[in-house]
């Protein structure tokens, strides 16, 4: 049994990533700012510290992939 189909699907998803990222620049920037702020200083980065921003980015990616390149 070959895993070739798995790699082909993975490559296809990776090819769509730049388009999705370009469509979600604002959400990606907000998530990045949140993570940078949460990691700054002496405190450790906590799980779910930026959950709201991550969810917004994830939903935007899903929308961008569903709509595809227009």
N, C-alpha and C. Protein backbone atom coordinates (compact mmCIF):
# COMPACT_ATOMS: atom_id res chain seq x y z
N UNK A 1 0.84 -1.17 0.00
CA UNK A 1 0.00 0.00 0.00
C UNK A 1 0.89 1.24 0.00
N UNK A 2 0.55 2.19 -0.84
CA UNK A 2 1.37 3.39 -1.01
C UNK A 2 0.73 4.58 -0.32
N UNK A 3 1.55 5.44 0.21
CA UNK A 3 1.06 6.67 0.83
C UNK A 3 1.10 7.84 -0.12
N UNK A 4 1.23 7.57 -1.40
CA UNK A 4 1.37 8.65 -2.38
C UNK A 4 0.16 9.59 -2.38
N UNK A 5 -1.05 9.03 -2.26
CA UNK A 5 -2.25 9.86 -2.25
C UNK A 5 -2.27 10.85 -1.10
N UNK A 6 -1.74 10.42 0.02
CA UNK A 6 -1.67 11.30 1.20
C UNK A 6 -0.79 12.50 0.89
N UNK A 7 0.36 12.26 0.29
CA UNK A 7 1.28 13.34 -0.02
C UNK A 7 0.72 14.28 -1.08
N UNK A 8 0.01 13.74 -2.04
CA UNK A 8 -0.61 14.59 -3.07
C UNK A 8 -1.66 15.51 -2.46
N UNK A 9 -2.47 14.99 -1.54
CA UNK A 9 -3.48 15.82 -0.87
C UNK A 9 -2.81 16.87 0.02
N UNK A 10 -1.75 16.48 0.71
CA UNK A 10 -1.04 17.43 1.57
C UNK A 10 -0.43 18.56 0.74
N UNK A 11 0.17 18.22 -0.38
CA UNK A 11 0.76 19.26 -1.25
C UNK A 11 -0.32 20.19 -1.80
N UNK A 12 -1.46 19.65 -2.14
CA UNK A 12 -2.56 20.48 -2.66
C UNK A 12 -3.02 21.47 -1.59
N UNK A 13 -3.12 21.01 -0.34
CA UNK A 13 -3.50 21.92 0.75
C UNK A 13 -2.45 22.99 0.96
N UNK A 14 -1.18 22.61 0.91
CA UNK A 14 -0.10 23.58 1.11
C UNK A 14 -0.05 24.63 0.00
N UNK A 15 -0.43 24.24 -1.21
CA UNK A 15 -0.45 25.21 -2.31
C UNK A 15 -1.53 26.27 -2.10
N UNK A 16 -2.60 25.92 -1.40
CA UNK A 16 -3.67 26.89 -1.14
C UNK A 16 -3.35 27.82 0.03
N UNK A 17 -2.37 27.49 0.84
CA UNK A 17 -2.07 28.26 2.04
C UNK A 17 -1.71 29.72 1.77
N UNK A 18 -0.85 30.04 0.79
CA UNK A 18 -0.53 31.46 0.56
C UNK A 18 -1.75 32.30 0.20
N UNK A 19 -2.67 31.74 -0.55
CA UNK A 19 -3.89 32.47 -0.91
C UNK A 19 -4.74 32.72 0.33
N UNK A 20 -4.88 31.71 1.16
CA UNK A 20 -5.66 31.86 2.39
C UNK A 20 -5.00 32.86 3.33
N UNK A 21 -3.69 32.82 3.44
CA UNK A 21 -2.99 33.75 4.31
C UNK A 21 -3.14 35.18 3.81
N UNK A 22 -3.07 35.37 2.50
CA UNK A 22 -3.24 36.71 1.94
C UNK A 22 -4.65 37.24 2.21
N UNK A 23 -5.64 36.36 2.17
CA UNK A 23 -7.02 36.77 2.42
C UNK A 23 -7.27 37.06 3.89
N UNK A 24 -6.42 36.56 4.77
CA UNK A 24 -6.64 36.67 6.21
C UNK A 24 -5.54 37.45 6.91
N UNK A 25 -4.98 38.41 6.24
CA UNK A 25 -3.86 39.17 6.79
C UNK A 25 -4.18 39.88 8.09
N UNK A 26 -5.37 40.47 8.18
CA UNK A 26 -5.74 41.19 9.41
C UNK A 26 -5.84 40.24 10.60
N UNK A 27 -6.46 39.10 10.38
CA UNK A 27 -6.62 38.12 11.47
C UNK A 27 -5.27 37.53 11.86
N UNK A 28 -4.41 37.27 10.87
CA UNK A 28 -3.07 36.74 11.17
C UNK A 28 -2.25 37.74 11.97
N UNK A 29 -2.36 39.02 11.60
CA UNK A 29 -1.62 40.05 12.33
C UNK A 29 -2.13 40.19 13.76
N UNK A 30 -3.45 40.12 13.93
CA UNK A 30 -4.02 40.22 15.29
C UNK A 30 -3.56 39.05 16.16
N UNK A 31 -3.55 37.85 15.58
CA UNK A 31 -3.10 36.68 16.33
C UNK A 31 -1.61 36.81 16.67
N UNK A 32 -0.83 37.25 15.72
CA UNK A 32 0.61 37.44 15.98
C UNK A 32 0.87 38.47 17.06
N UNK A 33 0.13 39.58 17.03
CA UNK A 33 0.29 40.60 18.07
C UNK A 33 -0.08 40.04 19.44
N UNK A 34 -1.15 39.26 19.49
CA UNK A 34 -1.59 38.67 20.76
C UNK A 34 -0.53 37.72 21.32
N UNK A 35 -0.01 36.85 20.47
CA UNK A 35 1.01 35.89 20.91
C UNK A 35 2.26 36.63 21.36
N UNK A 36 2.68 37.65 20.62
CA UNK A 36 3.87 38.41 20.99
C UNK A 36 3.66 39.10 22.34
N UNK A 37 2.49 39.68 22.54
CA UNK A 37 2.20 40.36 23.81
C UNK A 37 2.13 39.36 24.97
N UNK A 38 1.53 38.21 24.71
CA UNK A 38 1.40 37.20 25.77
C UNK A 38 2.74 36.58 26.13
N UNK A 39 3.66 36.52 25.18
CA UNK A 39 4.96 35.91 25.43
C UNK A 39 5.97 36.92 25.97
N UNK A 40 5.66 38.19 25.90
CA UNK A 40 6.59 39.22 26.37
C UNK A 40 6.61 39.25 27.90
N UNK A 41 7.73 39.61 28.42
CA UNK A 41 7.84 39.73 29.86
C UNK A 41 8.22 38.42 30.53
N UNK A 42 8.20 38.44 31.85
CA UNK A 42 8.66 37.27 32.60
C UNK A 42 7.65 36.11 32.64
N UNK A 43 6.39 36.38 32.37
CA UNK A 43 5.38 35.33 32.46
C UNK A 43 5.50 34.37 31.27
N UNK A 44 5.13 33.13 31.50
CA UNK A 44 5.14 32.14 30.43
C UNK A 44 3.89 32.26 29.58
N UNK A 45 3.99 31.85 28.34
CA UNK A 45 2.84 31.83 27.45
C UNK A 45 1.89 30.74 27.90
N UNK A 46 0.64 31.11 28.14
CA UNK A 46 -0.36 30.16 28.61
C UNK A 46 -1.19 29.63 27.45
N UNK A 47 -1.61 28.39 27.59
CA UNK A 47 -2.49 27.79 26.60
C UNK A 47 -3.80 28.59 26.55
N UNK A 48 -4.32 28.78 25.36
CA UNK A 48 -5.57 29.49 25.13
C UNK A 48 -5.50 30.98 25.46
N UNK A 49 -4.30 31.52 25.60
CA UNK A 49 -4.16 32.95 25.90
C UNK A 49 -4.71 33.79 24.74
N UNK A 50 -4.61 33.29 23.53
CA UNK A 50 -5.06 34.02 22.34
C UNK A 50 -6.10 33.21 21.57
N UNK A 51 -6.94 32.52 22.29
CA UNK A 51 -7.91 31.63 21.67
C UNK A 51 -8.88 32.38 20.76
N UNK A 52 -9.35 33.53 21.18
CA UNK A 52 -10.30 34.30 20.37
C UNK A 52 -9.69 34.70 19.03
N UNK A 53 -8.45 35.18 19.06
CA UNK A 53 -7.77 35.57 17.83
C UNK A 53 -7.48 34.36 16.94
N UNK A 54 -7.11 33.24 17.58
CA UNK A 54 -6.84 32.02 16.81
C UNK A 54 -8.11 31.52 16.12
N UNK A 55 -9.22 31.54 16.84
CA UNK A 55 -10.48 31.09 16.25
C UNK A 55 -10.88 31.96 15.06
N UNK A 56 -10.68 33.28 15.18
CA UNK A 56 -10.99 34.19 14.07
C UNK A 56 -10.11 33.87 12.86
N UNK A 57 -8.84 33.60 13.09
CA UNK A 57 -7.92 33.26 12.00
C UNK A 57 -8.31 31.92 11.38
N UNK A 58 -8.64 30.96 12.19
CA UNK A 58 -9.02 29.64 11.69
C UNK A 58 -10.30 29.71 10.84
N UNK A 59 -11.28 30.48 11.30
CA UNK A 59 -12.52 30.64 10.54
C UNK A 59 -12.26 31.36 9.22
N UNK A 60 -11.39 32.34 9.24
CA UNK A 60 -11.04 33.05 8.01
C UNK A 60 -10.36 32.11 7.02
N UNK A 61 -9.41 31.29 7.49
CA UNK A 61 -8.76 30.31 6.62
C UNK A 61 -9.79 29.36 6.01
N UNK A 62 -10.71 28.87 6.83
CA UNK A 62 -11.72 27.94 6.34
C UNK A 62 -12.58 28.59 5.26
N UNK A 63 -12.95 29.86 5.49
CA UNK A 63 -13.74 30.59 4.51
C UNK A 63 -12.97 30.78 3.21
N UNK A 64 -11.69 31.15 3.34
CA UNK A 64 -10.86 31.40 2.17
C UNK A 64 -10.65 30.13 1.35
N UNK A 65 -10.51 29.00 2.03
CA UNK A 65 -10.31 27.73 1.32
C UNK A 65 -11.61 27.30 0.64
N UNK A 66 -12.75 27.49 1.33
CA UNK A 66 -14.04 27.14 0.74
C UNK A 66 -14.33 27.96 -0.51
N UNK A 67 -14.05 29.26 -0.45
CA UNK A 67 -14.33 30.14 -1.58
C UNK A 67 -13.35 29.93 -2.71
N UNK A 68 -12.12 29.56 -2.37
CA UNK A 68 -11.10 29.31 -3.38
C UNK A 68 -10.65 30.60 -4.03
N UNK A 69 -9.69 30.51 -4.94
CA UNK A 69 -9.19 31.71 -5.61
C UNK A 69 -10.25 32.23 -6.57
N UNK A 70 -10.58 33.50 -6.43
CA UNK A 70 -11.57 34.12 -7.31
C UNK A 70 -10.92 35.01 -8.32
